[in-house]
Amino acid sequence: MATEVILPRLGQGMESGTIVRWLKSEGDPVEKGEPLFELDTDKVTQEVEAEASGVLLRIAVPEGEVPVGRTIAFIGKVGESVPEVVEPSRASNTLLQASTAEEPGAEPAMATNGREAAVRAGGRVKASPLARRLARERGIDLAALRGSGPDGRIVAEDVERSQPTPVAAVPEVRRGEVERVPLSNMRRTIARRLTEAWTVPAFQLTVTIDMTKANALVARRRELDPDVRITVTDLLTRVCAQALMRHRRMNVQLTGEELLVFPSADVGIAVATPQGLVVPVVRKAERLTLEEIAATRTDLVGRARDGRLRVEDLDGGTFTISNLGMFGVEQFVAVLNPPQASILAVGATVDTVVPRDGELGVVPLMSVTLTCDHRAVDGATGAEFLQTVKAFVEDPGLAL
């Protein structure tokens, strides 16, 4: 009997997802664990693996939004019959419907003026899921791009830097005319979650930190291990994780009528991507060395910007760090990331003239602002936590 392919629930609270494209065509052999289709959720676009081996007998839902649990395809033996499935309503875009009639792994059909969509690897252009989605939205021919990713893989930045090619016309926007950009699932989710966060009774606490020893430590670690580029964000991740373990009432989530106090510090790092802000999580950061945190952060940020994060990379954070210092922003207030109860906004380090021992001296100072959900965290608790963070950063040996 043919195996039904069901749209999976990839994260808590997920009720539906959008099938972006199938990576196999009807009649193609499929191995268990092999990428089968790309699914866009409210958090990420990721490849979903097949849960059975056989032949892709039928694609019941070529593309579009589908509720969790709906049958979207069948895998079985050649010639095996499959039942009829009523398809959900689909978006007007039919690019992906056309792709199911092409050769295995082919790119979605696009106007090419009779030209085959250029160089392919393994039957299709090598590109990340986010790059493919951006290219579709902007009418860009992936085959005309040069990839900067591993083995020439096209990543989101390649699409961002490119201009539309003659093979795919882009509607011209007249000067003064309003451009209408449909909201993606991720952008709708960001809007909804931040609106919810804005209604939370929150308070902010700000301290200024002497970065003299911290900067020296980061520079020294880079010299000792040039292959792992340690940053101030890595040091703050380690410091905040240690502080969260000392102040357990900060390492919490507020859900309904319960306050969940977690045994480990799962620190989220806010990352700006072409599609919007995401917060991948460094798990059990209190147990990791500075080098391990740097390696994990590098991997997460790279995959976030390449559109290759998985739902499990984003779920379950207990605390978030948002660093805008690299943009020259000296101080700001970050919006909470529910159900987390706190977030740390990190500004730029600025050389400042300050009095010290009766004389004036230049000191690198960094401003950080802690935002807390007052329903879960009291002012004194937040102040004590921030005091520990300041002490650890000004003398990093205490937290390493």
Protein backbone atom coordinates (compact mmCIF):
# COMPACT_ATOMS: atom_id res chain seq x y z
CA MET A 1 0.00 0.00 0.00
CA ALA A 2 1.34 3.44 -0.95
CA THR A 3 2.69 5.61 1.86
CA GLU A 4 1.00 8.97 2.33
CA VAL A 5 3.27 12.01 2.61
CA ILE A 6 1.72 14.23 5.28
CA LEU A 7 2.58 17.88 5.81
CA PRO A 8 4.56 17.72 9.07
CA ARG A 9 4.34 19.94 12.10
CA LEU A 10 7.87 21.37 12.30
CA GLY A 11 7.46 23.42 15.43
CA GLN A 12 5.19 24.19 18.34
CA GLY A 13 2.22 26.27 17.23
CA MET A 14 2.66 25.52 13.52
CA GLU A 15 -0.78 25.08 11.93
CA SER A 16 0.11 25.33 8.23
CA GLY A 17 2.99 25.72 5.81
CA THR A 18 3.51 26.76 2.21
CA ILE A 19 4.94 24.24 -0.24
CA VAL A 20 7.47 26.26 -2.23
CA ARG A 21 8.68 23.60 -4.66
CA TRP A 22 9.11 19.86 -5.02
CA LEU A 23 12.66 18.58 -5.34
CA LYS A 24 11.39 15.39 -7.00
CA SER A 25 8.97 14.87 -9.86
CA GLU A 26 6.30 12.19 -10.16
CA GLY A 27 7.94 8.89 -11.12
CA ASP A 28 11.30 9.75 -9.52
CA PRO A 29 12.89 7.27 -7.10
CA VAL A 30 13.02 8.51 -3.52
CA GLU A 31 15.23 7.38 -0.65
CA LYS A 32 14.22 7.75 2.98
CA GLY A 33 15.96 10.81 4.43
CA GLU A 34 16.43 12.43 1.01
CA PRO A 35 15.19 16.04 0.58
CA LEU A 36 11.71 15.83 -0.97
CA PHE A 37 10.25 19.35 -1.02
CA GLU A 38 10.83 22.88 0.27
CA LEU A 39 8.42 24.15 2.91
CA ASP A 40 7.97 27.78 3.96
CA THR A 41 6.77 28.21 7.54
CA ASP A 42 6.29 31.37 9.56
CA LYS A 43 9.90 31.03 10.72
CA VAL A 44 12.04 29.49 7.99
CA THR A 45 12.11 27.91 4.56
CA GLN A 46 13.62 24.45 4.80
CA GLU A 47 13.90 21.21 2.90
CA VAL A 48 11.70 18.40 4.23
CA GLU A 49 13.06 14.87 3.97
CA ALA A 50 11.17 11.81 2.76
CA GLU A 51 10.06 9.42 5.49
CA ALA A 52 9.88 6.39 3.18
CA SER A 53 11.71 4.92 0.20
CA GLY A 54 10.14 4.06 -3.16
CA VAL A 55 8.84 6.02 -6.11
CA LEU A 56 7.06 9.37 -5.91
CA LEU A 57 3.79 8.10 -7.34
CA ARG A 58 1.77 11.28 -7.14
CA ILE A 59 2.08 14.87 -5.98
CA ALA A 60 -1.35 15.81 -4.64
CA VAL A 61 -0.46 19.42 -3.77
CA PRO A 62 2.03 20.95 -6.23
CA GLU A 63 2.38 24.22 -4.30
CA GLY A 64 0.67 26.64 -1.96
CA GLU A 65 -0.41 26.87 1.66
CA VAL A 66 -1.43 23.58 3.26
CA PRO A 67 -2.68 22.77 6.79
CA VAL A 68 -0.60 20.48 8.98
CA GLY A 69 -1.64 16.83 8.59
CA ARG A 70 -2.95 17.08 5.00
CA THR A 71 -1.87 14.43 2.53
CA ILE A 72 0.34 16.10 -0.10
CA ALA A 73 1.85 13.14 -1.97
CA PHE A 74 2.22 9.34 -2.17
CA ILE A 75 5.34 7.18 -2.20
CA GLY A 76 5.19 3.50 -3.11
CA LYS A 77 6.04 0.87 -5.73
CA VAL A 78 5.87 1.44 -9.47
CA GLY A 79 2.32 0.90 -10.73
CA GLU A 80 0.78 0.98 -7.28
CA SER A 81 -2.58 2.75 -7.20
CA VAL A 82 -3.19 5.78 -5.01
CA PRO A 83 -6.48 7.26 -3.77
CA GLU A 84 -7.85 10.59 -4.93
CA VAL A 85 -7.13 13.57 -2.72
CA VAL A 86 -9.06 16.82 -2.87
CA GLU A 87 -6.49 19.54 -3.31
CA PRO A 88 -6.71 22.73 -1.22
CA SER A 89 -7.10 26.04 -3.00
CA ARG A 90 -3.81 27.19 -4.44
CA ALA A 91 -2.25 30.53 -5.12
CA SER A 92 -2.51 31.89 -8.64
CA ASN A 93 1.19 31.38 -9.24
CA THR A 94 1.55 28.16 -11.26
CA LEU A 95 5.32 28.04 -11.67
CA LEU A 96 5.65 25.04 -9.39
CA GLN A 97 2.78 23.18 -11.02
CA ALA A 98 4.73 23.35 -14.25
CA SER A 99 7.84 22.03 -12.52
CA THR A 100 6.18 18.69 -11.73
CA ALA A 101 5.87 17.96 -15.44
CA GLU A 102 9.56 18.61 -16.17
CA GLU A 103 12.56 16.38 -15.88
CA PRO A 104 13.58 15.25 -12.36
CA GLY A 105 14.91 18.11 -10.25
CA ALA A 106 14.34 20.76 -12.93
CA GLU A 107 13.97 24.43 -12.05
CA PRO A 108 10.43 25.91 -12.17
CA ALA A 109 9.44 26.88 -15.71
CA MET A 110 10.33 30.48 -16.55
CA ALA A 111 10.34 32.44 -19.82
CA THR A 112 13.77 31.85 -21.32
CA ASN A 113 13.44 33.08 -24.93
CA GLY A 114 14.11 29.51 -26.05
CA ARG A 115 17.29 29.26 -23.97
CA GLU A 116 17.73 26.34 -21.57
CA ALA A 117 18.30 27.52 -18.01
CA ALA A 118 22.14 27.34 -18.02
CA VAL A 119 24.59 25.35 -15.96
CA ARG A 120 23.16 22.78 -13.61
CA ALA A 121 24.63 20.45 -11.05
CA GLY A 122 22.94 17.11 -10.44
CA GLY A 123 20.07 18.16 -12.72
CA ARG A 124 19.34 21.59 -11.21
CA VAL A 125 20.93 24.91 -10.34
CA LYS A 126 22.67 24.72 -6.98
CA ALA A 127 21.04 27.34 -4.77
CA SER A 128 19.80 27.74 -1.21
CA PRO A 129 16.02 27.66 -0.56
CA LEU A 130 16.02 31.36 0.36
CA ALA A 131 17.93 32.25 -2.81
CA ARG A 132 15.35 30.35 -4.88
CA ARG A 133 12.47 32.13 -3.21
CA LEU A 134 14.05 35.58 -3.63
CA ALA A 135 14.75 34.82 -7.29
CA ARG A 136 11.12 33.82 -7.89
CA GLU A 137 9.82 36.94 -6.14
CA ARG A 138 12.09 39.23 -8.16
CA GLY A 139 11.91 37.47 -11.49
CA ILE A 140 15.62 36.63 -11.55
CA ASP A 141 17.06 33.71 -13.54
CA LEU A 142 19.21 31.70 -11.11
CA ALA A 143 21.10 30.09 -13.96
CA ALA A 144 22.50 33.50 -14.92
CA LEU A 145 24.04 34.08 -11.47
CA ARG A 146 27.48 33.18 -10.18
CA GLY A 147 27.27 31.56 -6.75
CA SER A 148 29.56 32.62 -3.91
CA GLY A 149 28.62 29.75 -1.59
CA PRO A 150 30.36 26.39 -1.16
CA ASP A 151 31.02 24.65 -4.51
CA GLY A 152 29.53 27.63 -6.35
CA ARG A 153 26.16 27.39 -4.59
CA ILE A 154 23.97 30.46 -5.10
CA VAL A 155 23.07 32.09 -1.79
CA ALA A 156 20.66 34.90 -0.91
CA GLU A 157 23.36 37.58 -1.10
CA ASP A 158 24.06 36.63 -4.73
CA VAL A 159 20.42 37.25 -5.61
CA GLU A 160 20.39 40.51 -3.63
CA ARG A 161 23.41 41.80 -5.56
CA SER A 162 22.09 40.78 -8.97
CA GLN A 163 19.98 42.69 -11.45
CA PRO A 164 17.01 41.13 -13.24
CA THR A 165 18.15 39.43 -16.45
CA PRO A 166 16.52 39.99 -19.86
CA VAL A 167 14.88 36.55 -19.65
CA ALA A 168 12.60 37.59 -16.80
CA ALA A 169 10.92 40.96 -17.05
CA VAL A 170 10.31 42.88 -13.83
CA PRO A 171 7.35 45.27 -13.64
CA GLU A 172 8.61 48.85 -13.89
CA VAL A 173 7.81 51.10 -10.95
CA ARG A 174 7.22 54.69 -12.04
CA ARG A 175 8.77 57.53 -10.08
CA GLY A 176 6.46 58.52 -7.28
CA GLU A 177 4.44 55.34 -7.57
CA VAL A 178 3.90 53.25 -4.43
CA GLU A 179 5.47 49.81 -4.67
CA ARG A 180 3.33 47.07 -3.15
CA VAL A 181 5.29 44.18 -1.65
CA PRO A 182 3.21 41.22 -0.40
CA LEU A 183 4.08 40.16 3.13
CA SER A 184 5.90 36.85 3.40
CA ASN A 185 4.92 34.31 6.07
CA MET A 186 7.99 35.36 8.06
CA ARG A 187 7.21 39.08 7.83
CA ARG A 188 3.58 38.50 8.89
CA THR A 189 4.80 36.50 11.86
CA ILE A 190 7.32 39.20 12.82
CA ALA A 191 4.56 41.82 12.67
CA ARG A 192 2.22 39.72 14.79
CA ARG A 193 4.80 38.77 17.43
CA LEU A 194 6.19 42.28 17.80
CA THR A 195 2.69 43.69 18.12
CA GLU A 196 2.05 41.20 20.91
CA ALA A 197 5.38 42.10 22.54
CA TRP A 198 4.56 45.81 22.42
CA THR A 199 1.53 45.22 24.68
CA VAL A 200 3.70 43.61 27.38
CA PRO A 201 4.33 45.76 30.49
CA ALA A 202 8.09 46.06 30.13
CA PHE A 203 10.86 48.08 31.77
CA GLN A 204 14.40 48.94 30.69
CA LEU A 205 17.67 49.14 32.58
CA THR A 206 20.85 50.60 31.10
CA VAL A 207 24.48 50.37 32.23
CA THR A 208 27.78 51.46 30.70
CA ILE A 209 30.58 48.90 30.59
CA ASP A 210 34.34 49.46 30.46
CA MET A 211 35.45 47.28 27.53
CA THR A 212 39.22 47.59 28.09
CA LYS A 213 39.82 44.02 29.27
CA ALA A 214 37.11 42.52 27.07
CA ASN A 215 38.58 44.03 23.90
CA ALA A 216 42.04 42.84 24.88
CA LEU A 217 40.72 39.32 25.49
CA VAL A 218 38.92 39.17 22.14
CA ALA A 219 42.02 40.42 20.30
CA ARG A 220 44.28 37.94 22.09
CA ARG A 221 41.97 34.98 21.39
CA ARG A 222 41.90 35.92 17.71
CA GLU A 223 45.70 35.90 17.61
CA LEU A 224 45.87 32.48 19.27
CA ASP A 225 43.27 30.92 16.97
CA PRO A 226 42.84 32.85 13.68
CA ASP A 227 40.56 30.12 12.29
CA VAL A 228 37.84 30.94 14.83
CA ARG A 229 36.90 34.62 14.71
CA ILE A 230 35.74 35.46 18.22
CA THR A 231 33.57 38.57 18.55
CA VAL A 232 32.19 40.71 21.35
CA THR A 233 28.83 39.00 20.75
CA ASP A 234 30.45 35.63 21.53
CA LEU A 235 31.88 36.98 24.76
CA LEU A 236 28.51 38.47 25.71
CA THR A 237 26.81 35.15 24.96
CA ARG A 238 29.18 33.38 27.35
CA VAL A 239 28.88 36.12 29.98
CA CYS A 240 25.08 36.29 29.84
CA ALA A 241 24.84 32.49 30.03
CA GLN A 242 26.92 32.46 33.20
CA ALA A 243 24.90 35.33 34.65
CA LEU A 244 21.64 33.53 33.85
CA MET A 245 22.86 30.52 35.83
CA ARG A 246 23.55 32.78 38.81
CA HIS A 247 20.20 34.55 38.47
CA ARG A 248 17.85 31.71 37.59
CA ARG A 249 14.76 33.95 37.79
CA MET A 250 16.03 35.71 34.67
CA ASN A 251 16.26 32.48 32.67
CA VAL A 252 12.50 32.16 32.26
CA GLN A 253 9.59 32.07 29.86
CA LEU A 254 6.07 33.24 30.67
CA THR A 255 3.39 30.95 29.24
CA GLY A 256 -0.21 31.42 30.30
CA GLU A 257 -0.40 31.08 34.06
CA GLU A 258 3.03 29.47 34.45
CA LEU A 259 6.56 30.77 34.78
CA LEU A 260 9.01 28.25 33.31
CA VAL A 261 12.47 28.38 34.90
CA PHE A 262 15.04 26.62 32.71
CA PRO A 263 18.10 24.66 33.86
CA SER A 264 20.27 25.76 30.89
CA ALA A 265 20.94 29.06 29.18
CA ASP A 266 19.75 28.81 25.57
CA VAL A 267 20.83 32.19 24.26
CA GLY A 268 19.24 33.57 21.09
CA ILE A 269 21.21 35.91 18.82
CA ALA A 270 19.19 38.34 16.70
CA VAL A 271 20.27 38.12 13.04
CA ALA A 272 19.12 40.38 10.20
CA THR A 273 18.41 38.47 6.96
CA PRO A 274 17.00 39.56 3.59
CA GLN A 275 13.62 38.16 4.64
CA GLY A 276 13.54 39.66 8.14
CA LEU A 277 14.84 39.23 11.67
CA VAL A 278 15.44 35.72 12.98
CA VAL A 279 16.81 34.58 16.35
CA PRO A 280 18.76 31.30 16.15
CA VAL A 281 19.68 29.80 19.51
CA VAL A 282 23.05 28.79 21.01
CA ARG A 283 22.08 25.80 23.17
CA LYS A 284 23.49 25.30 26.67
CA ALA A 285 25.78 28.27 26.22
CA GLU A 286 26.94 28.09 29.84
CA ARG A 287 28.69 24.80 29.05
CA LEU A 288 30.49 26.02 25.92
CA THR A 289 33.92 27.58 25.63
CA LEU A 290 34.34 30.92 23.92
CA GLU A 291 35.69 29.16 20.84
CA GLU A 292 32.75 26.73 20.76
CA ILE A 293 30.29 29.61 21.04
CA ALA A 294 32.06 31.44 18.19
CA ALA A 295 31.93 28.37 15.96
CA THR A 296 28.24 27.78 16.75
CA ARG A 297 27.38 31.43 16.19
CA THR A 298 29.25 31.49 12.87
CA ASP A 299 27.35 28.42 11.67
CA LEU A 300 23.94 29.76 12.78
CA VAL A 301 24.43 33.24 11.34
CA GLY A 302 25.73 31.82 8.06
CA ARG A 303 22.79 29.47 7.67
CA ALA A 304 20.35 32.21 8.72
CA ARG A 305 21.55 34.55 5.96
CA ASP A 306 21.61 31.67 3.49
CA GLY A 307 18.03 30.69 4.37
CA ARG A 308 19.07 27.25 5.66
CA LEU A 309 17.95 27.43 9.29
CA ARG A 310 15.70 24.68 10.57
CA VAL A 311 12.84 25.15 13.00
CA GLU A 312 14.82 23.50 15.78
CA ASP A 313 17.49 26.21 15.38
CA LEU A 314 14.92 28.81 16.42
CA ASP A 315 12.76 27.16 19.05
CA GLY A 316 13.19 27.29 22.80
CA GLY A 317 15.46 30.25 23.51
CA THR A 318 15.44 31.57 27.08
CA PHE A 319 17.21 34.91 26.51
CA THR A 320 18.15 37.07 23.50
CA ILE A 321 21.07 39.34 22.61
CA SER A 322 20.57 42.01 19.94
CA ASN A 323 23.80 43.75 18.92
CA LEU A 324 23.67 46.84 16.67
CA GLY A 325 27.07 48.13 17.70
CA MET A 326 28.58 47.21 14.33
CA PHE A 327 26.26 49.80 12.75
CA GLY A 328 27.50 52.57 15.01
CA VAL A 329 24.32 52.60 17.10
CA GLU A 330 25.39 53.67 20.58
CA GLN A 331 22.22 52.82 22.50
CA PHE A 332 18.77 51.42 21.73
CA VAL A 333 15.86 49.52 23.27
CA ALA A 334 15.15 46.05 21.89
CA VAL A 335 11.62 44.66 21.74
CA LEU A 336 10.96 41.49 23.73
CA ASN A 337 10.94 38.12 21.98
CA PRO A 338 7.96 36.32 23.61
CA PRO A 339 7.65 34.03 25.45
CA GLN A 340 11.14 35.04 26.65
CA ALA A 341 11.09 37.51 29.53
CA SER A 342 14.22 39.53 28.71
CA ILE A 343 16.45 40.78 25.89
CA LEU A 344 19.77 42.64 25.95
CA ALA A 345 20.36 45.48 23.46
CA VAL A 346 24.08 46.07 22.80
CA GLY A 347 25.43 49.34 21.45
CA ALA A 348 28.74 50.37 19.91
CA THR A 349 31.93 50.71 21.92
CA VAL A 350 32.92 54.38 21.99
CA ASP A 351 36.22 55.83 23.20
CA THR A 352 35.20 58.28 25.91
CA VAL A 353 37.14 60.71 28.09
CA VAL A 354 36.46 59.90 31.75
CA PRO A 355 38.03 60.95 35.07
CA ARG A 356 40.11 58.23 36.72
CA ASP A 357 42.28 58.54 39.82
CA GLY A 358 42.16 62.31 39.58
CA GLU A 359 43.20 62.39 35.92
CA LEU A 360 41.43 62.26 32.59
CA GLY A 361 41.79 59.18 30.45
CA VAL A 362 40.26 57.67 27.32
CA VAL A 363 38.24 54.52 28.02
CA PRO A 364 36.31 52.31 25.55
CA LEU A 365 32.74 52.32 26.89
CA MET A 366 29.81 50.22 25.71
CA SER A 367 26.16 50.84 26.59
CA VAL A 368 23.80 47.89 27.08
CA THR A 369 20.08 48.08 27.78
CA LEU A 370 18.13 45.22 29.34
CA THR A 371 14.41 45.02 28.56
CA CYS A 372 12.33 42.80 30.88
CA ASP A 373 8.75 41.59 30.98
CA HIS A 374 7.58 43.02 34.31
CA ARG A 375 5.03 40.22 34.65
CA ALA A 376 7.87 37.72 34.99
CA VAL A 377 10.87 39.72 36.20
CA ASP A 378 11.09 42.30 38.98
CA GLY A 379 13.21 45.43 38.68
CA ALA A 380 15.65 44.36 41.39
CA THR A 381 16.12 40.94 39.73
CA GLY A 382 16.93 42.57 36.41
CA ALA A 383 19.29 45.06 38.07
CA GLU A 384 21.20 42.31 39.88
CA PHE A 385 21.54 40.33 36.65
CA LEU A 386 22.79 43.40 34.75
CA GLN A 387 25.24 44.13 37.57
CA THR A 388 26.69 40.62 37.16
CA VAL A 389 26.91 41.00 33.37
CA LYS A 390 28.81 44.27 33.80
CA ALA A 391 31.21 42.73 36.32
CA PHE A 392 31.89 39.72 34.07
CA VAL A 393 32.52 41.81 30.95
CA GLU A 394 34.83 44.21 32.78
CA ASP A 395 36.76 41.24 34.19
CA PRO A 396 36.12 38.37 31.72
CA GLY A 397 38.21 35.91 33.70
CA LEU A 398 35.31 35.67 36.17
CA ALA A 399 33.06 34.11 33.53
CA LEU A 400 35.53 31.98 31.50
